[in-house]
Amino acid sequence: MNTHRGDIAGFRLAGRTWISELGTWSSAVSAEGRPVSALRFDSRLIARPGARDRVVGAVVADRRLIQGGLAGLVPVADLIGAQDEVWLLTADPVSPTVTDLLAEAPGAPRPDAGSAATVLAETAQTLLAVHSAGLAHGALHPGAVVIAPGGTALLAERGLVDALHGRPPAPERDVASWASLARGLAATWAASSPRAADLFERTAAIASTRGLAAARDALLTGRDLLPPGFPSRDRLVETVHWWTTRETSPPAGPSVPAQAAPARVDEGEIVTLLHVPEATRAPETGGGRTEDVVMRFGPGVPTETTAERIWRAGRDQQPTVLPGERLRTVRPPAVRRRRTVLSSVILALMVVAGLIAWLLRGAAAPLAVSEVEVITPKKVQGCDTTVKIRGVLTTNGEAGEIHYQWKRSDRRAPIEQTDTVAAGETSHEVSLEWTVKGEGTFKGTATLRLLSPVPEGAKIEDRASFTYKCS
């Protein structure tokens, strides 16, 4: 797919981009003029065997949850492929996130302890609903918690990291990540409210020992320790409005002169990777099962065909018969019963075979990290600069997750993050960007500490400093 003209299947890229574990996110505008977002998956991850199909399954599962009434997930508008690229298009923007609001930009209104409690309560409720459906988020962190314009906390990237890496759902990983989020908000947004911060610390401990439902209940029971007005979202709404206004303010001048704008480039055929709902599938010859239909949209195809309208809105409740086929009558009950019995037997055999394969495969060695190293620039940094700090973690080459934190000498609150490490790699690099402005001399020290996996009683961390001078 050629995206130089900034147009992805009707979504216009709006300029802001940021990197996630999945690939590159871009702010965008839908054909109707609404703010949305677009994710271009990392080509190496989506090319892994079965990754694309697993991503499709995760997105379809999300759609079913949302159709069932779950309002805590960022809805997906489409999942498309063109040439070697795969894009996820969301129906709502996936920014700002809690990570964005934690950045403490000059002049920004700061969310309070009540805002933190609102985020924790709503994310806990969404995770409980996801877990009850036999699913998990898989990579919960502040950058995956989106704050909507109305101050509601939504979860983005649900199940996508697990899908790319072929991992089964692990609700216990979500619980540990939620507890980490609670501790992080206790140290930041609730720093000026000691009683609320203590409540968040206690709910984090309850989540780790008694589960997420007990932690949510403890949080709501302790509302007397929160600022008056909880669960009002006024402070969150104010912060999001400030952040959105800053991000969408027009640039100082056009980046490309009008006469130099690139010509429209044919981006090739775009194929939606999502299955069409039951109402728009054609009956398969000879049985009650229906085949999935792949809808294709792209250059040369009308922007709003009947098939596309049905597929997107689900307004037609009658089956669609494809050309060359005719609508079949329903088979008699006896035939359907025989097919059901046969399908059950086949499914049982597949389950037994899968269980035997799992028992015979042996246990893989867990991921281990032996040391970390922090690398900072050697030369003195000049006025108004962003210092790029690298951290290198040495591993045993196994796959797994690492949970770590950056600590800056100019801030009390650490920055916690979680990364996934692929098998076969004996080192993993992380980074920290530190912006320094103003006149004077400053020495900054960055500390990288591994939180897990860490042997009991061990402490794996490293620190390094840089010098800033502006006169």
Protein backbone atom coordinates (compact mmCIF):
# COMPACT_ATOMS: atom_id res chain seq x y z
CA MET A 1 0.00 0.00 0.00
CA ASN A 2 1.35 3.42 -0.90
CA THR A 3 0.57 5.92 1.87
CA HIS A 4 2.67 8.88 0.81
CA ARG A 5 -0.48 10.84 0.03
CA GLY A 6 -1.77 10.16 3.54
CA ASP A 7 -4.98 8.33 2.56
CA ILE A 8 -5.74 4.85 3.95
CA ALA A 9 -9.02 3.33 2.75
CA GLY A 10 -10.91 6.57 3.33
CA PHE A 11 -8.95 7.57 6.45
CA ARG A 12 -6.77 10.67 6.07
CA LEU A 13 -3.62 10.56 8.19
CA ALA A 14 -3.45 13.74 10.28
CA GLY A 15 0.29 13.90 10.91
CA ARG A 16 0.99 12.80 14.50
CA THR A 17 2.61 9.37 14.78
CA TRP A 18 3.94 7.33 17.68
CA ILE A 19 5.53 3.91 18.09
CA SER A 20 4.01 1.05 20.05
CA GLU A 21 4.89 -2.59 20.53
CA LEU A 22 2.55 -3.42 17.63
CA GLY A 23 3.87 -0.98 15.04
CA THR A 24 3.24 2.68 14.17
CA TRP A 25 0.10 4.54 15.22
CA SER A 26 -1.08 7.64 13.35
CA SER A 27 -3.76 10.14 14.17
CA ALA A 28 -6.31 10.27 11.36
CA VAL A 29 -9.64 11.72 10.21
CA SER A 30 -12.47 9.55 8.90
CA ALA A 31 -14.39 10.24 5.71
CA GLU A 32 -17.11 11.84 7.88
CA GLY A 33 -14.56 14.21 9.47
CA ARG A 34 -14.35 12.46 12.85
CA PRO A 35 -10.98 12.05 14.64
CA VAL A 36 -9.87 8.42 14.49
CA SER A 37 -6.58 6.49 14.49
CA ALA A 38 -4.73 4.07 12.21
CA LEU A 39 -2.16 1.42 13.15
CA ARG A 40 0.31 0.01 10.64
CA PHE A 41 1.48 -3.30 12.09
CA ASP A 42 5.19 -4.03 12.32
CA SER A 43 5.86 -6.00 9.13
CA ARG A 44 8.12 -8.47 10.93
CA LEU A 45 5.49 -9.29 13.55
CA ILE A 46 2.49 -9.58 11.23
CA ALA A 47 4.52 -11.83 8.87
CA ARG A 48 4.97 -14.51 11.55
CA PRO A 49 3.16 -17.79 10.81
CA GLY A 50 -0.50 -17.49 11.74
CA ALA A 51 -0.14 -13.94 13.11
CA ARG A 52 -2.54 -12.36 10.63
CA ASP A 53 -5.28 -14.91 11.31
CA ARG A 54 -4.84 -14.51 15.07
CA VAL A 55 -5.13 -10.72 14.78
CA VAL A 56 -8.35 -11.15 12.77
CA GLY A 57 -9.68 -13.43 15.53
CA ALA A 58 -8.83 -10.87 18.23
CA VAL A 59 -10.59 -8.05 16.37
CA VAL A 60 -13.67 -10.18 15.68
CA ALA A 61 -13.79 -11.14 19.38
CA ASP A 62 -13.69 -7.44 20.32
CA ARG A 63 -16.56 -6.68 17.98
CA ARG A 64 -18.66 -9.40 19.59
CA LEU A 65 -17.93 -8.01 23.06
CA ILE A 66 -18.93 -4.51 21.97
CA GLN A 67 -22.09 -5.83 20.28
CA GLY A 68 -22.85 -7.59 23.57
CA GLY A 69 -22.84 -4.25 25.40
CA LEU A 70 -19.23 -3.82 26.57
CA ALA A 71 -18.41 -0.12 26.24
CA GLY A 72 -14.87 -0.12 27.63
CA LEU A 73 -12.96 -1.01 24.44
CA VAL A 74 -11.88 1.27 21.60
CA PRO A 75 -14.03 0.06 18.67
CA VAL A 76 -12.35 -1.12 15.45
CA ALA A 77 -13.70 0.25 12.17
CA ASP A 78 -11.77 -2.08 9.87
CA LEU A 79 -8.74 -4.32 9.49
CA ILE A 80 -7.31 -4.11 5.99
CA GLY A 81 -4.43 -5.51 3.98
CA ALA A 82 -2.80 -4.25 0.83
CA GLN A 83 0.35 -5.71 -0.66
CA ASP A 84 2.60 -6.49 2.33
CA GLU A 85 1.00 -4.08 4.84
CA VAL A 86 -1.76 -4.62 7.39
CA TRP A 87 -3.59 -1.66 8.93
CA LEU A 88 -5.99 -1.47 11.86
CA LEU A 89 -8.47 1.42 11.62
CA THR A 90 -10.30 2.49 14.77
CA ALA A 91 -13.68 4.19 14.98
CA ASP A 92 -12.46 6.46 17.80
CA PRO A 93 -9.05 8.02 18.45
CA VAL A 94 -6.59 6.08 20.63
CA SER A 95 -5.14 9.24 22.15
CA PRO A 96 -4.61 10.79 24.55
CA THR A 97 -3.57 7.89 26.73
CA VAL A 98 -2.68 7.86 30.40
CA THR A 99 0.96 7.96 29.28
CA ASP A 100 0.27 11.20 27.39
CA LEU A 101 -1.44 12.78 30.38
CA LEU A 102 1.39 11.72 32.71
CA ALA A 103 3.87 13.71 30.63
CA GLU A 104 3.21 16.85 32.71
CA ALA A 105 3.50 19.35 29.87
CA PRO A 106 3.96 22.98 31.01
CA GLY A 107 0.61 24.64 31.59
CA ALA A 108 -1.39 21.42 31.42
CA PRO A 109 -4.10 20.84 34.05
CA ARG A 110 -3.14 17.87 36.20
CA PRO A 111 -5.60 15.01 36.81
CA ASP A 112 -6.28 14.40 40.51
CA ALA A 113 -6.78 11.36 42.72
CA GLY A 114 -10.46 11.22 41.71
CA SER A 115 -9.38 11.00 38.07
CA ALA A 116 -7.04 8.13 38.94
CA ALA A 117 -9.83 6.31 40.79
CA THR A 118 -12.14 6.72 37.79
CA VAL A 119 -9.52 5.26 35.43
CA LEU A 120 -8.80 2.33 37.77
CA ALA A 121 -12.46 1.50 38.39
CA GLU A 122 -13.41 1.59 34.71
CA THR A 123 -10.40 -0.38 33.48
CA ALA A 124 -10.99 -3.01 36.19
CA GLN A 125 -14.63 -3.36 35.15
CA THR A 126 -13.67 -3.74 31.48
CA LEU A 127 -10.99 -6.32 32.25
CA LEU A 128 -13.43 -8.36 34.35
CA ALA A 129 -15.87 -8.46 31.42
CA VAL A 130 -13.08 -9.45 29.02
CA HIS A 131 -11.89 -12.20 31.38
CA SER A 132 -15.41 -13.56 31.84
CA ALA A 133 -15.50 -14.06 28.06
CA GLY A 134 -12.38 -16.26 28.27
CA LEU A 135 -10.12 -13.52 26.84
CA ALA A 136 -7.45 -11.16 28.13
CA HIS A 137 -5.91 -7.84 27.19
CA GLY A 138 -2.39 -9.26 27.17
CA ALA A 139 -0.38 -6.01 27.29
CA LEU A 140 -2.04 -3.57 29.68
CA HIS A 141 0.03 -0.46 30.39
CA PRO A 142 -0.65 3.31 30.62
CA GLY A 143 -0.16 3.69 26.87
CA ALA A 144 -3.05 1.28 26.21
CA VAL A 145 -5.53 3.18 28.42
CA VAL A 146 -7.24 5.84 26.30
CA ILE A 147 -9.12 8.76 27.84
CA ALA A 148 -12.13 9.65 25.67
CA PRO A 149 -13.31 13.28 25.31
CA GLY A 150 -16.00 12.64 27.93
CA GLY A 151 -13.40 11.44 30.45
CA THR A 152 -14.18 7.73 30.06
CA ALA A 153 -11.29 5.25 30.21
CA LEU A 154 -11.15 2.85 27.23
CA LEU A 155 -8.74 0.00 26.54
CA ALA A 156 -6.90 -0.11 23.20
CA GLU A 157 -4.84 -2.90 21.58
CA ARG A 158 -6.88 -5.60 23.37
CA GLY A 159 -5.48 -9.05 22.51
CA LEU A 160 -3.27 -7.83 19.67
CA VAL A 161 0.12 -8.39 21.32
CA ASP A 162 -0.89 -11.92 22.31
CA ALA A 163 -2.14 -12.53 18.76
CA LEU A 164 1.11 -11.40 17.14
CA HIS A 165 3.23 -13.55 19.45
CA GLY A 166 0.90 -16.56 19.50
CA ARG A 167 0.35 -16.46 23.27
CA PRO A 168 -2.78 -17.83 24.97
CA PRO A 169 -4.90 -15.42 27.07
CA ALA A 170 -3.43 -14.88 30.55
CA PRO A 171 -5.80 -12.90 32.79
CA GLU A 172 -3.29 -13.08 35.65
CA ARG A 173 -0.90 -10.95 33.56
CA ASP A 174 -3.65 -8.32 33.22
CA VAL A 175 -4.20 -8.33 36.98
CA ALA A 176 -0.50 -7.75 37.65
CA SER A 177 -0.42 -4.92 35.09
CA TRP A 178 -3.53 -3.30 36.62
CA ALA A 179 -1.89 -3.42 40.05
CA SER A 180 1.19 -1.74 38.55
CA LEU A 181 -1.05 0.94 37.01
CA ALA A 182 -2.67 1.55 40.41
CA ARG A 183 0.72 2.01 42.07
CA GLY A 184 1.87 4.34 39.30
CA LEU A 185 -1.21 6.57 39.63
CA ALA A 186 -0.82 6.55 43.41
CA ALA A 187 2.66 8.05 42.97
CA THR A 188 1.61 10.65 40.37
CA TRP A 189 -1.99 11.86 40.18
CA ALA A 190 -2.62 11.01 43.85
CA ALA A 191 0.73 12.29 45.16
CA SER A 192 -0.94 15.29 46.80
CA SER A 193 -3.67 13.12 48.42
CA PRO A 194 -1.91 10.70 50.81
CA ARG A 195 -5.13 8.95 51.86
CA ALA A 196 -6.13 8.30 48.25
CA ALA A 197 -2.60 7.17 47.36
CA ASP A 198 -2.71 4.70 50.27
CA LEU A 199 -6.08 3.41 48.99
CA PHE A 200 -4.59 2.76 45.54
CA GLU A 201 -1.62 0.93 47.07
CA ARG A 202 -3.97 -1.28 49.08
CA THR A 203 -6.17 -2.07 46.09
CA ALA A 204 -3.05 -3.02 44.11
CA ALA A 205 -2.09 -5.46 46.87
CA ILE A 206 -5.64 -6.85 46.99
CA ALA A 207 -5.60 -7.39 43.22
CA SER A 208 -2.40 -9.42 43.52
CA THR A 209 -3.71 -11.62 46.33
CA ARG A 210 -7.50 -11.79 45.99
CA GLY A 211 -8.21 -10.84 42.40
CA LEU A 212 -9.42 -7.92 40.35
CA ALA A 213 -13.07 -8.01 41.45
CA ALA A 214 -12.06 -7.69 45.12
CA ALA A 215 -9.71 -4.82 44.23
CA ARG A 216 -12.47 -2.98 42.36
CA ASP A 217 -14.87 -3.42 45.28
CA ALA A 218 -12.24 -2.15 47.74
CA LEU A 219 -11.66 0.89 45.55
CA LEU A 220 -15.36 1.77 45.42
CA THR A 221 -15.84 1.08 49.14
CA GLY A 222 -13.04 3.53 49.93
CA ARG A 223 -14.60 6.45 48.03
CA ASP A 224 -14.63 8.47 51.28
CA LEU A 225 -10.84 8.71 50.94
CA LEU A 226 -11.13 10.32 47.51
CA PRO A 227 -11.66 13.99 46.63
CA PRO A 228 -15.30 15.20 46.85
CA GLY A 229 -17.32 14.60 43.72
CA PHE A 230 -15.94 11.17 42.75
CA PRO A 231 -16.69 9.76 40.21
CA SER A 232 -16.93 13.15 38.49
CA ARG A 233 -14.79 13.28 35.33
CA ASP A 234 -14.48 17.07 35.19
CA ARG A 235 -10.73 17.14 35.76
CA LEU A 236 -10.13 14.41 33.16
CA VAL A 237 -12.32 16.19 30.63
CA GLU A 238 -10.44 19.45 31.23
CA THR A 239 -7.07 17.73 30.79
CA VAL A 240 -8.13 15.88 27.65
CA HIS A 241 -9.53 19.08 26.14
CA TRP A 242 -6.24 20.91 26.80
CA TRP A 243 -4.21 18.04 25.36
CA THR A 244 -6.41 17.68 22.27
CA THR A 245 -6.35 21.42 21.57
CA ARG A 246 -2.56 21.45 21.75
CA GLU A 247 -2.18 18.39 19.52
CA THR A 248 -4.60 19.62 16.85
CA SER A 249 -3.42 23.25 16.71
CA PRO A 250 -2.43 24.23 13.15
CA PRO A 251 1.31 24.29 12.33
CA ALA A 252 3.17 27.57 11.87
CA GLY A 253 3.23 27.14 8.11
CA PRO A 254 2.45 24.57 5.41
CA SER A 255 4.94 21.70 5.35
CA VAL A 256 4.49 21.25 1.59
CA PRO A 257 3.63 24.12 -0.80
CA ALA A 258 0.30 23.63 -2.54
CA GLN A 259 1.92 23.44 -5.95
CA ALA A 260 4.35 20.79 -4.72
CA ALA A 261 1.74 18.41 -3.30
CA PRO A 262 2.31 14.83 -4.49
CA ALA A 263 0.01 13.44 -7.13
CA ARG A 264 -2.52 10.82 -6.16
CA VAL A 265 -0.86 7.43 -6.20
CA ASP A 266 -2.77 4.23 -6.84
CA GLU A 267 -2.44 2.36 -3.56
CA GLY A 268 -3.52 -0.94 -5.04
CA GLU A 269 -6.38 -3.19 -4.07
CA ILE A 270 -7.41 -2.95 -0.43
CA VAL A 271 -8.86 -6.11 1.12
CA THR A 272 -10.73 -6.15 4.40
CA LEU A 273 -9.52 -9.02 6.56
CA LEU A 274 -12.62 -9.14 8.74
CA HIS A 275 -15.41 -11.63 8.24
CA VAL A 276 -18.76 -10.43 7.01
CA PRO A 277 -21.63 -10.70 9.55
CA GLU A 278 -24.07 -13.60 9.22
CA ALA A 279 -26.70 -11.39 7.59
CA THR A 280 -24.48 -10.79 4.55
CA ARG A 281 -23.14 -14.31 3.99
CA ALA A 282 -24.31 -16.62 1.24
CA PRO A 283 -25.47 -20.13 2.15
CA GLU A 284 -23.04 -22.87 1.21
CA THR A 285 -24.28 -25.50 -1.21
CA GLY A 286 -25.27 -28.68 0.59
CA GLY A 287 -25.40 -27.65 4.24
CA GLY A 288 -26.37 -25.17 6.92
CA ARG A 289 -22.82 -23.79 7.38
CA THR A 290 -21.98 -20.53 5.64
CA GLU A 291 -18.72 -19.56 4.01
CA ASP A 292 -16.92 -16.32 4.96
CA VAL A 293 -16.97 -13.72 2.21
CA VAL A 294 -14.02 -11.35 1.74
CA MET A 295 -15.17 -7.89 0.72
CA ARG A 296 -12.80 -5.87 -1.48
CA PHE A 297 -12.62 -2.11 -1.70
CA GLY A 298 -10.11 0.13 -3.44
CA PRO A 299 -9.43 2.42 -6.38
CA GLY A 300 -12.06 2.14 -9.07
CA VAL A 301 -14.70 0.81 -6.66
CA PRO A 302 -17.54 3.18 -5.63
CA THR A 303 -16.98 4.55 -2.14
CA GLU A 304 -20.37 3.37 -0.87
CA THR A 305 -21.52 0.22 -2.61
CA THR A 306 -24.52 -1.74 -1.40
CA ALA A 307 -22.29 -4.57 -0.19
CA GLU A 308 -20.07 -2.22 1.76
CA ARG A 309 -23.04 -0.45 3.35
CA ILE A 310 -24.54 -3.78 4.45
CA TRP A 311 -21.18 -5.02 5.72
CA ARG A 312 -20.43 -1.89 7.73
CA ALA A 313 -23.85 -1.18 9.21
CA GLY A 314 -25.47 -4.64 9.36
CA ARG A 315 -28.81 -3.21 8.30
CA ASP A 316 -29.87 -6.00 5.94
CA GLN A 317 -31.27 -8.95 7.88
CA GLN A 318 -31.77 -11.20 4.84
CA PRO A 319 -29.09 -13.51 3.38
CA THR A 320 -27.24 -12.23 0.33
CA VAL A 321 -27.00 -14.68 -2.57
CA LEU A 322 -23.83 -14.32 -4.61
CA PRO A 323 -23.94 -14.46 -8.43
CA GLY A 324 -24.01 -18.02 -9.78
CA GLU A 325 -25.57 -19.43 -6.59
CA ARG A 326 -29.17 -19.98 -5.60
CA LEU A 327 -30.71 -19.90 -2.17
CA ARG A 328 -30.90 -23.40 -0.72
CA THR A 329 -33.62 -24.74 1.48
CA VAL A 330 -32.85 -25.78 5.04
CA ARG A 331 -31.93 -29.41 5.46
CA PRO A 332 -34.27 -31.69 7.41
CA PRO A 333 -33.67 -31.97 11.17
CA ALA A 334 -32.35 -35.53 10.88
CA VAL A 335 -29.56 -34.46 8.52
CA ARG A 336 -28.65 -31.57 10.80
CA ARG A 337 -28.49 -33.91 13.81
CA ARG A 338 -26.11 -36.27 11.98
CA ARG A 339 -23.88 -33.37 11.03
CA THR A 340 -23.91 -32.10 14.63
CA VAL A 341 -22.88 -35.50 16.02
CA LEU A 342 -20.10 -35.85 13.44
CA SER A 343 -18.83 -32.33 14.17
CA SER A 344 -18.80 -33.09 17.91
CA VAL A 345 -16.75 -36.25 17.39
CA ILE A 346 -14.25 -34.44 15.18
CA LEU A 347 -13.93 -31.61 17.71
CA ALA A 348 -13.35 -34.08 20.55
CA LEU A 349 -10.60 -35.84 18.58
CA MET A 350 -8.93 -32.50 17.84
CA VAL A 351 -8.99 -31.55 21.53
CA VAL A 352 -7.45 -34.89 22.55
CA ALA A 353 -4.76 -34.56 19.87
CA GLY A 354 -3.96 -31.02 21.00
CA LEU A 355 -3.72 -32.14 24.63
CA ILE A 356 -1.34 -34.98 23.74
CA ALA A 357 0.83 -32.62 21.69
CA TRP A 358 0.95 -30.17 24.59
CA LEU A 359 1.95 -32.89 27.05
CA LEU A 360 4.71 -34.15 24.76
CA ARG A 361 6.23 -30.82 23.83
CA GLY A 362 8.00 -30.26 27.14
CA ALA A 363 8.29 -27.07 29.12
CA ALA A 364 10.25 -24.19 27.64
CA ALA A 365 12.84 -22.46 29.81
CA PRO A 366 11.59 -19.18 31.29
CA LEU A 367 12.98 -15.82 30.23
CA ALA A 368 15.82 -14.59 32.43
CA VAL A 369 17.69 -11.26 32.47
CA SER A 370 21.25 -11.25 33.79
CA GLU A 371 22.13 -7.55 33.62
CA VAL A 372 21.09 -4.12 32.39
CA GLU A 373 23.20 -1.26 31.06
CA VAL A 374 22.25 2.40 30.67
CA ILE A 375 24.00 4.44 27.95
CA THR A 376 23.83 8.26 27.86
CA PRO A 377 25.47 10.80 25.51
CA LYS A 378 29.06 11.61 26.46
CA LYS A 379 29.16 15.16 25.14
CA VAL A 380 27.50 18.10 26.84
CA GLN A 381 23.94 18.68 25.61
CA GLY A 382 22.99 22.15 24.32
CA CYS A 383 19.99 24.40 24.82
CA ASP A 384 16.42 23.04 24.59
CA THR A 385 17.26 19.49 23.63
CA THR A 386 15.76 16.03 23.97
CA VAL A 387 18.33 13.59 25.33
CA LYS A 388 17.99 10.05 24.01
CA ILE A 389 18.97 7.46 26.63
CA ARG A 390 19.37 3.77 25.81
CA GLY A 391 19.03 0.75 28.03
CA VAL A 392 20.31 -2.70 27.05
CA LEU A 393 19.06 -5.82 28.84
CA THR A 394 21.02 -9.07 28.48
CA THR A 395 18.76 -12.16 28.37
CA ASN A 396 19.09 -15.92 28.07
CA GLY A 397 17.51 -15.91 24.60
CA GLU A 398 14.09 -17.21 25.68
CA ALA A 399 10.78 -15.54 24.87
CA GLY A 400 8.73 -13.74 27.47
CA GLU A 401 7.84 -10.40 29.02
CA ILE A 402 10.05 -7.94 30.84
CA HIS A 403 8.67 -5.35 33.22
CA TYR A 404 10.96 -2.45 34.03
CA GLN A 405 11.00 1.15 35.18
CA TRP A 406 12.93 4.31 34.34
CA LYS A 407 13.66 6.74 37.17
CA ARG A 408 14.68 10.31 36.36
CA SER A 409 16.62 12.32 38.92
CA ASP A 410 14.32 15.31 38.38
CA ARG A 411 11.10 13.40 39.14
CA ARG A 412 9.76 11.36 42.02
CA ALA A 413 7.49 9.09 40.02
CA PRO A 414 9.10 6.29 37.99
CA ILE A 415 8.00 5.40 34.48
CA GLU A 416 6.98 1.73 34.29
CA GLN A 417 6.79 -0.18 31.02
CA THR A 418 6.34 -3.75 29.77
CA ASP A 419 7.98 -5.19 26.63
CA THR A 420 7.75 -8.57 24.91
CA VAL A 421 11.03 -10.30 24.06
CA ALA A 422 11.18 -12.72 21.13
CA ALA A 423 12.98 -16.06 21.38
CA GLY A 424 16.51 -16.20 20.00
CA GLU A 425 17.47 -12.65 21.01
CA THR A 426 20.06 -12.38 23.79
CA SER A 427 19.70 -8.62 24.24
CA HIS A 428 16.76 -6.25 24.28
CA GLU A 429 17.01 -2.47 23.93
CA VAL A 430 14.71 0.06 25.59
CA SER A 431 14.84 3.84 25.45
CA LEU A 432 14.00 6.99 27.38
CA GLU A 433 13.64 10.50 25.96
CA TRP A 434 14.39 13.32 28.41
CA THR A 435 13.59 16.88 27.31
CA VAL A 436 15.51 19.72 29.01
CA LYS A 437 14.79 23.42 28.38
CA GLY A 438 15.97 26.78 29.71
CA GLU A 439 19.22 28.39 30.69
CA GLY A 440 21.69 27.01 33.21
CA THR A 441 23.67 23.85 33.91
CA PHE A 442 21.99 20.58 34.79
CA LYS A 443 23.17 17.02 35.43
CA GLY A 444 20.54 14.40 34.83
CA THR A 445 20.78 10.80 36.02
CA ALA A 446 18.61 8.04 34.54
CA THR A 447 18.19 4.74 36.40
CA LEU A 448 16.87 1.62 34.68
CA ARG A 449 15.59 -1.04 37.07
CA LEU A 450 14.27 -4.48 36.12
CA LEU A 451 11.04 -5.36 37.96
CA SER A 452 10.49 -8.83 36.47
CA PRO A 453 11.71 -11.43 35.86
CA VAL A 454 14.09 -10.98 38.78
CA PRO A 455 15.44 -13.79 41.01
CA GLU A 456 14.19 -13.54 44.57
CA GLY A 457 16.35 -11.20 46.60
CA ALA A 458 18.22 -9.87 43.55
CA LYS A 459 18.36 -6.29 42.31
CA ILE A 460 19.14 -5.69 38.64
CA GLU A 461 19.60 -2.04 37.69
CA ASP A 462 22.05 0.45 36.22
CA ARG A 463 22.31 4.23 35.97
CA ALA A 464 24.11 6.81 33.88
CA SER A 465 24.26 10.62 33.73
CA PHE A 466 24.47 13.38 31.15
CA THR A 467 25.29 17.08 31.38
CA TYR A 468 23.13 19.91 29.99
CA LYS A 469 24.47 23.44 29.60
CA CYS A 470 22.73 26.47 28.15
CA SER A 471 23.83 30.07 28.60
